[in-house]
């Protein structure tokens, strides 16, 4: 799989690899629950990362092992579609 980075260089991703997602939502409990529902029995970590200046939004770093590009993008898609998550990076 090739990804183009900010300098227009292609980056090779070798699978399996640990992948990080940044998820953002309004309520910590709902964020954690959303991540658990998407990950199911998959081993992962979900750690608080930042809080917005006014305290309305919370971001978490989610790490898991992905086995291929389809696996990586499917997790992203499911996180992005979850109603309790406002943004996924």
PDB file of N, CA and C in Angstrom:
ATOM      1  N   UNK A   1       0.851  -1.179   0.000  1.00  0.00           N
ATOM      2  CA  UNK A   1       0.000   0.000   0.000  1.00  0.00           C
ATOM      3  C   UNK A   1       0.882   1.223   0.000  1.00  0.00           C
ATOM      4  N   UNK A   2       0.576   2.188  -0.826  1.00  0.00           N
ATOM      5  CA  UNK A   2       1.339   3.425  -0.880  1.00  0.00           C
ATOM      6  C   UNK A   2       0.472   4.586  -0.434  1.00  0.00           C
ATOM      7  N   UNK A   3       1.027   5.431   0.400  1.00  0.00           N
ATOM      8  CA  UNK A   3       0.360   6.664   0.820  1.00  0.00           C
ATOM      9  C   UNK A   3       1.305   7.797   0.497  1.00  0.00           C
ATOM     10  N   UNK A   4       0.746   8.902   0.022  1.00  0.00           N
ATOM     11  CA  UNK A   4       1.585  10.056  -0.292  1.00  0.00           C
ATOM     12  C   UNK A   4       1.604  10.960   0.936  1.00  0.00           C
ATOM     13  N   UNK A   5       2.806  11.287   1.412  1.00  0.00           N
ATOM     14  CA  UNK A   5       2.923  12.143   2.598  1.00  0.00           C
ATOM     15  C   UNK A   5       2.908  13.607   2.192  1.00  0.00           C
ATOM     16  N   UNK A   6       3.092  14.485   3.165  1.00  0.00           N
ATOM     17  CA  UNK A   6       3.016  15.927   2.929  1.00  0.00           C
ATOM     18  C   UNK A   6       4.053  16.428   1.933  1.00  0.00           C
ATOM     19  N   UNK A   7       5.111  15.690   1.742  1.00  0.00           N
ATOM     20  CA  UNK A   7       6.165  16.110   0.817  1.00  0.00           C
ATOM     21  C   UNK A   7       6.008  15.425  -0.539  1.00  0.00           C
ATOM     22  N   UNK A   8       4.830  14.883  -0.812  1.00  0.00           N
ATOM     23  CA  UNK A   8       4.525  14.193  -2.061  1.00  0.00           C
ATOM     24  C   UNK A   8       5.416  12.983  -2.312  1.00  0.00           C
ATOM     25  N   UNK A   9       5.859  12.379  -1.238  1.00  0.00           N
ATOM     26  CA  UNK A   9       6.638  11.140  -1.361  1.00  0.00           C
ATOM     27  C   UNK A   9       5.742   9.969  -0.998  1.00  0.00           C
ATOM     28  N   UNK A  10       5.909   8.881  -1.704  1.00  0.00           N
ATOM     29  CA  UNK A  10       5.117   7.692  -1.414  1.00  0.00           C
ATOM     30  C   UNK A  10       5.709   6.977  -0.207  1.00  0.00           C
ATOM     31  N   UNK A  11       4.820   6.582   0.678  1.00  0.00           N
ATOM     32  CA  UNK A  11       5.222   5.877   1.891  1.00  0.00           C
ATOM     33  C   UNK A  11       4.682   4.459   1.798  1.00  0.00           C
ATOM     34  N   UNK A  12       5.536   3.487   2.006  1.00  0.00           N
ATOM     35  CA  UNK A  12       5.127   2.091   1.998  1.00  0.00           C
ATOM     36  C   UNK A  12       4.686   1.693   3.394  1.00  0.00           C
ATOM     37  N   UNK A  13       3.532   1.053   3.496  1.00  0.00           N
ATOM     38  CA  UNK A  13       3.067   0.514   4.770  1.00  0.00           C
ATOM     39  C   UNK A  13       3.233  -0.990   4.710  1.00  0.00           C
ATOM     40  N   UNK A  14       3.952  -1.531   5.661  1.00  0.00           N
ATOM     41  CA  UNK A  14       4.137  -2.978   5.723  1.00  0.00           C
ATOM     42  C   UNK A  14       3.193  -3.551   6.767  1.00  0.00           C
ATOM     43  N   UNK A  15       2.362  -4.478   6.332  1.00  0.00           N
ATOM     44  CA  UNK A  15       1.378  -5.110   7.205  1.00  0.00           C
ATOM     45  C   UNK A  15       1.879  -6.479   7.635  1.00  0.00           C
ATOM     46  N   UNK A  16       1.461  -6.957   8.802  1.00  0.00           N
ATOM     47  CA  UNK A  16       0.654  -6.271   9.810  1.00  0.00           C
ATOM     48  C   UNK A  16       1.479  -5.196  10.516  1.00  0.00           C
ATOM     49  N   UNK A  17       0.773  -4.182  11.035  1.00  0.00           N
ATOM     50  CA  UNK A  17       1.442  -3.115  11.772  1.00  0.00           C
ATOM     51  C   UNK A  17       0.477  -2.498  12.782  1.00  0.00           C
ATOM     52  N   UNK A  18       1.049  -1.828  13.773  1.00  0.00           N
ATOM     53  CA  UNK A  18       0.226  -1.110  14.733  1.00  0.00           C
ATOM     54  C   UNK A  18      -0.233   0.181  14.076  1.00  0.00           C
ATOM     55  N   UNK A  19      -1.527   0.492  14.197  1.00  0.00           N
ATOM     56  CA  UNK A  19      -2.072   1.692  13.592  1.00  0.00           C
ATOM     57  C   UNK A  19      -2.751   2.530  14.655  1.00  0.00           C
ATOM     58  N   UNK A  20      -2.619   3.852  14.534  1.00  0.00           N
ATOM     59  CA  UNK A  20      -3.237   4.772  15.488  1.00  0.00           C
ATOM     60  C   UNK A  20      -4.343   5.560  14.801  1.00  0.00           C
ATOM     61  N   UNK A  21      -5.455   5.651  15.495  1.00  0.00           N
ATOM     62  CA  UNK A  21      -6.574   6.484  15.067  1.00  0.00           C
ATOM     63  C   UNK A  21      -6.776   7.528  16.155  1.00  0.00           C
ATOM     64  N   UNK A  22      -7.142   8.727  15.763  1.00  0.00           N
ATOM     65  CA  UNK A  22      -7.511   9.776  16.713  1.00  0.00           C
ATOM     66  C   UNK A  22      -9.017   9.943  16.579  1.00  0.00           C
ATOM     67  N   UNK A  23      -9.737   9.742  17.698  1.00  0.00           N
ATOM     68  CA  UNK A  23     -11.187   9.893  17.678  1.00  0.00           C
ATOM     69  C   UNK A  23     -11.573  11.055  18.583  1.00  0.00           C
ATOM     70  N   UNK A  24     -12.590  11.806  18.172  1.00  0.00           N
ATOM     71  CA  UNK A  24     -13.014  12.996  18.902  1.00  0.00           C
ATOM     72  C   UNK A  24     -14.516  12.937  19.114  1.00  0.00           C
ATOM     73  N   UNK A  25     -14.926  13.257  20.347  1.00  0.00           N
ATOM     74  CA  UNK A  25     -16.343  13.282  20.681  1.00  0.00           C
ATOM     75  C   UNK A  25     -16.594  14.222  21.840  1.00  0.00           C
ATOM     76  N   UNK A  26     -17.840  14.251  22.301  1.00  0.00           N
ATOM     77  CA  UNK A  26     -18.208  15.183  23.350  1.00  0.00           C
ATOM     78  C   UNK A  26     -18.204  14.574  24.746  1.00  0.00           C
ATOM     79  N   UNK A  27     -18.497  13.283  24.866  1.00  0.00           N
ATOM     80  CA  UNK A  27     -18.563  12.643  26.178  1.00  0.00           C
ATOM     81  C   UNK A  27     -17.608  11.459  26.246  1.00  0.00           C
ATOM     82  N   UNK A  28     -16.739  11.479  27.255  1.00  0.00           N
ATOM     83  CA  UNK A  28     -15.707  10.445  27.382  1.00  0.00           C
ATOM     84  C   UNK A  28     -16.294   9.040  27.385  1.00  0.00           C
ATOM     85  N   UNK A  29     -17.344   8.832  28.173  1.00  0.00           N
ATOM     86  CA  UNK A  29     -17.931   7.495  28.281  1.00  0.00           C
ATOM     87  C   UNK A  29     -18.471   7.014  26.935  1.00  0.00           C
ATOM     88  N   UNK A  30     -19.085   7.926  26.193  1.00  0.00           N
ATOM     89  CA  UNK A  30     -19.634   7.552  24.886  1.00  0.00           C
ATOM     90  C   UNK A  30     -18.526   7.277  23.874  1.00  0.00           C
ATOM     91  N   UNK A  31     -17.431   8.015  23.967  1.00  0.00           N
ATOM     92  CA  UNK A  31     -16.292   7.770  23.073  1.00  0.00           C
ATOM     93  C   UNK A  31     -15.737   6.383  23.330  1.00  0.00           C
ATOM     94  N   UNK A  32     -15.487   6.074  24.598  1.00  0.00           N
ATOM     95  CA  UNK A  32     -14.926   4.771  24.960  1.00  0.00           C
ATOM     96  C   UNK A  32     -15.861   3.637  24.561  1.00  0.00           C
ATOM     97  N   UNK A  33     -17.166   3.833  24.767  1.00  0.00           N
ATOM     98  CA  UNK A  33     -18.153   2.820  24.395  1.00  0.00           C
ATOM     99  C   UNK A  33     -18.196   2.622  22.877  1.00  0.00           C
ATOM    100  N   UNK A  34     -18.117   3.719  22.125  1.00  0.00           N
ATOM    101  CA  UNK A  34     -18.122   3.642  20.663  1.00  0.00           C
ATOM    102  C   UNK A  34     -16.920   2.850  20.158  1.00  0.00           C
ATOM    103  N   UNK A  35     -15.753   3.141  20.726  1.00  0.00           N
ATOM    104  CA  UNK A  35     -14.539   2.431  20.308  1.00  0.00           C
ATOM    105  C   UNK A  35     -14.676   0.943  20.615  1.00  0.00           C
ATOM    106  N   UNK A  36     -15.169   0.604  21.816  1.00  0.00           N
ATOM    107  CA  UNK A  36     -15.350  -0.810  22.178  1.00  0.00           C
ATOM    108  C   UNK A  36     -16.320  -1.506  21.238  1.00  0.00           C
ATOM    109  N   UNK A  37     -17.396  -0.820  20.864  1.00  0.00           N
ATOM    110  CA  UNK A  37     -18.376  -1.458  19.981  1.00  0.00           C
ATOM    111  C   UNK A  37     -17.801  -1.715  18.594  1.00  0.00           C
ATOM    112  N   UNK A  38     -16.968  -0.822  18.094  1.00  0.00           N
ATOM    113  CA  UNK A  38     -16.348  -1.012  16.781  1.00  0.00           C
ATOM    114  C   UNK A  38     -15.266  -2.089  16.847  1.00  0.00           C
ATOM    115  N   UNK A  39     -14.467  -2.061  17.894  1.00  0.00           N
ATOM    116  CA  UNK A  39     -13.346  -2.999  18.002  1.00  0.00           C
ATOM    117  C   UNK A  39     -13.785  -4.411  18.372  1.00  0.00           C
ATOM    118  N   UNK A  40     -14.938  -4.536  19.017  1.00  0.00           N
ATOM    119  CA  UNK A  40     -15.404  -5.867  19.407  1.00  0.00           C
ATOM    120  C   UNK A  40     -14.364  -6.555  20.270  1.00  0.00           C
ATOM    121  N   UNK A  41     -13.976  -7.760  19.904  1.00  0.00           N
ATOM    122  CA  UNK A  41     -12.996  -8.524  20.663  1.00  0.00           C
ATOM    123  C   UNK A  41     -11.558  -8.245  20.262  1.00  0.00           C
ATOM    124  N   UNK A  42     -11.357  -7.347  19.317  1.00  0.00           N
ATOM    125  CA  UNK A  42     -10.017  -7.025  18.837  1.00  0.00           C
ATOM    126  C   UNK A  42      -9.221  -6.337  19.943  1.00  0.00           C
ATOM    127  N   UNK A  43      -7.989  -6.765  20.127  1.00  0.00           N
ATOM    128  CA  UNK A  43      -7.125  -6.134  21.119  1.00  0.00           C
ATOM    129  C   UNK A  43      -6.801  -4.710  20.671  1.00  0.00           C
ATOM    130  N   UNK A  44      -6.941  -3.765  21.614  1.00  0.00           N
ATOM    131  CA  UNK A  44      -6.681  -2.359  21.298  1.00  0.00           C
ATOM    132  C   UNK A  44      -6.450  -1.576  22.585  1.00  0.00           C
ATOM    133  N   UNK A  45      -5.943  -0.370  22.437  1.00  0.00           N
ATOM    134  CA  UNK A  45      -5.878   0.567  23.559  1.00  0.00           C
ATOM    135  C   UNK A  45      -6.647   1.818  23.157  1.00  0.00           C
ATOM    136  N   UNK A  46      -7.222   2.465  24.157  1.00  0.00           N
ATOM    137  CA  UNK A  46      -7.995   3.690  23.930  1.00  0.00           C
ATOM    138  C   UNK A  46      -7.650   4.616  25.087  1.00  0.00           C
ATOM    139  N   UNK A  47      -6.824   5.626  24.793  1.00  0.00           N
ATOM    140  CA  UNK A  47      -6.328   6.512  25.850  1.00  0.00           C
ATOM    141  C   UNK A  47      -6.713   7.960  25.567  1.00  0.00           C
ATOM    142  N   UNK A  48      -7.110   8.689  26.631  1.00  0.00           N
ATOM    143  CA  UNK A  48      -7.396  10.115  26.461  1.00  0.00           C
ATOM    144  C   UNK A  48      -6.169  10.842  25.925  1.00  0.00           C
ATOM    145  N   UNK A  49      -6.404  11.803  25.042  1.00  0.00           N
ATOM    146  CA  UNK A  49      -5.309  12.524  24.429  1.00  0.00           C
ATOM    147  C   UNK A  49      -5.359  14.006  24.780  1.00  0.00           C
ATOM    148  N   UNK A  50      -6.439  14.678  24.385  1.00  0.00           N
ATOM    149  CA  UNK A  50      -6.562  16.128  24.630  1.00  0.00           C
ATOM    150  C   UNK A  50      -8.009  16.490  24.922  1.00  0.00           C
ATOM    151  N   UNK A  51      -8.177  17.687  25.465  1.00  0.00           N
ATOM    152  CA  UNK A  51      -9.498  18.271  25.690  1.00  0.00           C
ATOM    153  C   UNK A  51      -9.472  19.649  25.050  1.00  0.00           C
ATOM    154  N   UNK A  52     -10.566  20.003  24.383  1.00  0.00           N
ATOM    155  CA  UNK A  52     -10.617  21.314  23.742  1.00  0.00           C
ATOM    156  C   UNK A  52     -10.539  22.424  24.781  1.00  0.00           C
ATOM    157  N   UNK A  53     -10.211  23.589  24.333  1.00  0.00           N
ATOM    158  CA  UNK A  53     -10.012  24.732  25.223  1.00  0.00           C
ATOM    159  C   UNK A  53     -11.203  24.982  26.140  1.00  0.00           C
ATOM    160  N   UNK A  54     -12.405  24.859  25.599  1.00  0.00           N
ATOM    161  CA  UNK A  54     -13.610  25.090  26.402  1.00  0.00           C
ATOM    162  C   UNK A  54     -14.134  23.819  27.060  1.00  0.00           C
ATOM    163  N   UNK A  55     -13.449  22.699  26.844  1.00  0.00           N
ATOM    164  CA  UNK A  55     -13.822  21.445  27.485  1.00  0.00           C
ATOM    165  C   UNK A  55     -14.979  20.711  26.845  1.00  0.00           C
ATOM    166  N   UNK A  56     -15.404  21.141  25.691  1.00  0.00           N
ATOM    167  CA  UNK A  56     -16.556  20.502  25.037  1.00  0.00           C
ATOM    168  C   UNK A  56     -16.175  19.201  24.326  1.00  0.00           C
ATOM    169  N   UNK A  57     -15.000  19.169  23.720  1.00  0.00           N
ATOM    170  CA  UNK A  57     -14.584  18.005  22.941  1.00  0.00           C
ATOM    171  C   UNK A  57     -13.391  17.310  23.587  1.00  0.00           C
ATOM    172  N   UNK A  58     -13.405  15.986  23.485  1.00  0.00           N
ATOM    173  CA  UNK A  58     -12.333  15.153  24.029  1.00  0.00           C
ATOM    174  C   UNK A  58     -11.785  14.300  22.894  1.00  0.00           C
ATOM    175  N   UNK A  59     -10.471  14.174  22.841  1.00  0.00           N
ATOM    176  CA  UNK A  59      -9.880  13.292  21.838  1.00  0.00           C
ATOM    177  C   UNK A  59      -9.190  12.131  22.529  1.00  0.00           C
ATOM    178  N   UNK A  60      -9.217  10.996  21.860  1.00  0.00           N
ATOM    179  CA  UNK A  60      -8.602   9.771  22.356  1.00  0.00           C
ATOM    180  C   UNK A  60      -7.719   9.205  21.254  1.00  0.00           C
ATOM    181  N   UNK A  61      -6.650   8.543  21.662  1.00  0.00           N
ATOM    182  CA  UNK A  61      -5.800   7.818  20.720  1.00  0.00           C
ATOM    183  C   UNK A  61      -6.153   6.344  20.834  1.00  0.00           C
ATOM    184  N   UNK A  62      -6.490   5.757  19.706  1.00  0.00           N
ATOM    185  CA  UNK A  62      -6.843   4.341  19.650  1.00  0.00           C
ATOM    186  C   UNK A  62      -5.755   3.627  18.858  1.00  0.00           C
ATOM    187  N   UNK A  63      -5.183   2.595  19.460  1.00  0.00           N
ATOM    188  CA  UNK A  63      -4.141   1.814  18.775  1.00  0.00           C
ATOM    189  C   UNK A  63      -4.584   0.364  18.663  1.00  0.00           C
ATOM    190  N   UNK A  64      -4.299  -0.227  17.513  1.00  0.00           N
ATOM    191  CA  UNK A  64      -4.596  -1.635  17.302  1.00  0.00           C
ATOM    192  C   UNK A  64      -3.695  -2.188  16.198  1.00  0.00           C
ATOM    193  N   UNK A  65      -3.615  -3.482  16.105  1.00  0.00           N
ATOM    194  CA  UNK A  65      -2.861  -4.139  15.046  1.00  0.00           C
ATOM    195  C   UNK A  65      -3.779  -4.303  13.842  1.00  0.00           C
ATOM    196  N   UNK A  66      -3.344  -3.803  12.694  1.00  0.00           N
ATOM    197  CA  UNK A  66      -4.108  -3.996  11.463  1.00  0.00           C
ATOM    198  C   UNK A  66      -3.335  -4.954  10.565  1.00  0.00           C
ATOM    199  N   UNK A  67      -4.077  -5.789   9.857  1.00  0.00           N
ATOM    200  CA  UNK A  67      -3.448  -6.864   9.085  1.00  0.00           C
ATOM    201  C   UNK A  67      -3.246  -6.535   7.612  1.00  0.00           C
ATOM    202  N   UNK A  68      -4.035  -5.578   7.099  1.00  0.00           N
ATOM    203  CA  UNK A  68      -3.908  -5.178   5.701  1.00  0.00           C
ATOM    204  C   UNK A  68      -4.663  -3.869   5.496  1.00  0.00           C
ATOM    205  N   UNK A  69      -4.600  -3.337   4.299  1.00  0.00           N
ATOM    206  CA  UNK A  69      -5.246  -2.051   4.016  1.00  0.00           C
ATOM    207  C   UNK A  69      -6.757  -2.114   4.217  1.00  0.00           C
ATOM    208  N   UNK A  70      -7.377  -3.202   3.794  1.00  0.00           N
ATOM    209  CA  UNK A  70      -8.825  -3.329   3.961  1.00  0.00           C
ATOM    210  C   UNK A  70      -9.213  -3.320   5.438  1.00  0.00           C
ATOM    211  N   UNK A  71      -8.445  -4.002   6.256  1.00  0.00           N
ATOM    212  CA  UNK A  71      -8.679  -4.040   7.700  1.00  0.00           C
ATOM    213  C   UNK A  71      -8.572  -2.626   8.271  1.00  0.00           C
ATOM    214  N   UNK A  72      -7.521  -1.920   7.913  1.00  0.00           N
ATOM    215  CA  UNK A  72      -7.277  -0.565   8.414  1.00  0.00           C
ATOM    216  C   UNK A  72      -8.387   0.392   8.008  1.00  0.00           C
ATOM    217  N   UNK A  73      -8.791   0.348   6.746  1.00  0.00           N
ATOM    218  CA  UNK A  73      -9.816   1.278   6.271  1.00  0.00           C
ATOM    219  C   UNK A  73     -11.208   0.910   6.782  1.00  0.00           C
ATOM    220  N   UNK A  74     -11.463  -0.357   7.020  1.00  0.00           N
ATOM    221  CA  UNK A  74     -12.767  -0.770   7.553  1.00  0.00           C
ATOM    222  C   UNK A  74     -12.945  -0.279   8.987  1.00  0.00           C
ATOM    223  N   UNK A  75     -11.908  -0.360   9.792  1.00  0.00           N
ATOM    224  CA  UNK A  75     -11.986   0.175  11.158  1.00  0.00           C
ATOM    225  C   UNK A  75     -12.242   1.674  11.097  1.00  0.00           C
ATOM    226  N   UNK A  76     -11.518   2.375  10.243  1.00  0.00           N
ATOM    227  CA  UNK A  76     -11.714   3.813  10.081  1.00  0.00           C
ATOM    228  C   UNK A  76     -13.161   4.126   9.685  1.00  0.00           C
ATOM    229  N   UNK A  77     -13.691   3.389   8.734  1.00  0.00           N
ATOM    230  CA  UNK A  77     -15.055   3.600   8.248  1.00  0.00           C
ATOM    231  C   UNK A  77     -16.070   3.407   9.377  1.00  0.00           C
ATOM    232  N   UNK A  78     -15.908   2.342  10.144  1.00  0.00           N
ATOM    233  CA  UNK A  78     -16.848   2.073  11.226  1.00  0.00           C
ATOM    234  C   UNK A  78     -16.766   3.129  12.325  1.00  0.00           C
ATOM    235  N   UNK A  79     -15.550   3.553  12.657  1.00  0.00           N
ATOM    236  CA  UNK A  79     -15.408   4.615  13.655  1.00  0.00           C
ATOM    237  C   UNK A  79     -16.068   5.895  13.149  1.00  0.00           C
ATOM    238  N   UNK A  80     -15.822   6.231  11.899  1.00  0.00           N
ATOM    239  CA  UNK A  80     -16.350   7.470  11.308  1.00  0.00           C
ATOM    240  C   UNK A  80     -17.884   7.472  11.267  1.00  0.00           C
ATOM    241  N   UNK A  81     -18.486   6.318  11.097  1.00  0.00           N
ATOM    242  CA  UNK A  81     -19.946   6.227  10.999  1.00  0.00           C
ATOM    243  C   UNK A  81     -20.636   6.213  12.363  1.00  0.00           C
ATOM    244  N   UNK A  82     -19.884   6.025  13.441  1.00  0.00           N
ATOM    245  CA  UNK A  82     -20.508   5.921  14.754  1.00  0.00           C
ATOM    246  C   UNK A  82     -21.060   7.281  15.188  1.00  0.00           C
ATOM    247  N   UNK A  83     -22.296   7.293  15.648  1.00  0.00           N
ATOM    248  CA  UNK A  83     -22.977   8.548  16.018  1.00  0.00           C
ATOM    249  C   UNK A  83     -22.339   9.281  17.192  1.00  0.00           C
ATOM    250  N   UNK A  84     -21.650   8.588  18.074  1.00  0.00           N
ATOM    251  CA  UNK A  84     -21.062   9.215  19.247  1.00  0.00           C
ATOM    252  C   UNK A  84     -19.670   9.798  18.993  1.00  0.00           C
ATOM    253  N   UNK A  85     -19.155   9.625  17.792  1.00  0.00           N
ATOM    254  CA  UNK A  85     -17.850  10.178  17.438  1.00  0.00           C
ATOM    255  C   UNK A  85     -18.049  11.301  16.429  1.00  0.00           C
ATOM    256  N   UNK A  86     -17.486  12.457  16.731  1.00  0.00           N
ATOM    257  CA  UNK A  86     -17.650  13.617  15.859  1.00  0.00           C
ATOM    258  C   UNK A  86     -16.640  13.633  14.723  1.00  0.00           C
ATOM    259  N   UNK A  87     -15.443  13.088  14.979  1.00  0.00           N
ATOM    260  CA  UNK A  87     -14.387  13.125  13.965  1.00  0.00           C
ATOM    261  C   UNK A  87     -13.419  11.963  14.206  1.00  0.00           C
ATOM    262  N   UNK A  88     -12.869  11.455  13.120  1.00  0.00           N
ATOM    263  CA  UNK A  88     -11.853  10.393  13.191  1.00  0.00           C
ATOM    264  C   UNK A  88     -10.712  10.804  12.271  1.00  0.00           C
ATOM    265  N   UNK A  89      -9.508  10.739  12.788  1.00  0.00           N
ATOM    266  CA  UNK A  89      -8.315  11.078  11.999  1.00  0.00           C
ATOM    267  C   UNK A  89      -7.391   9.880  11.948  1.00  0.00           C
TER     268      UNK A  89
END
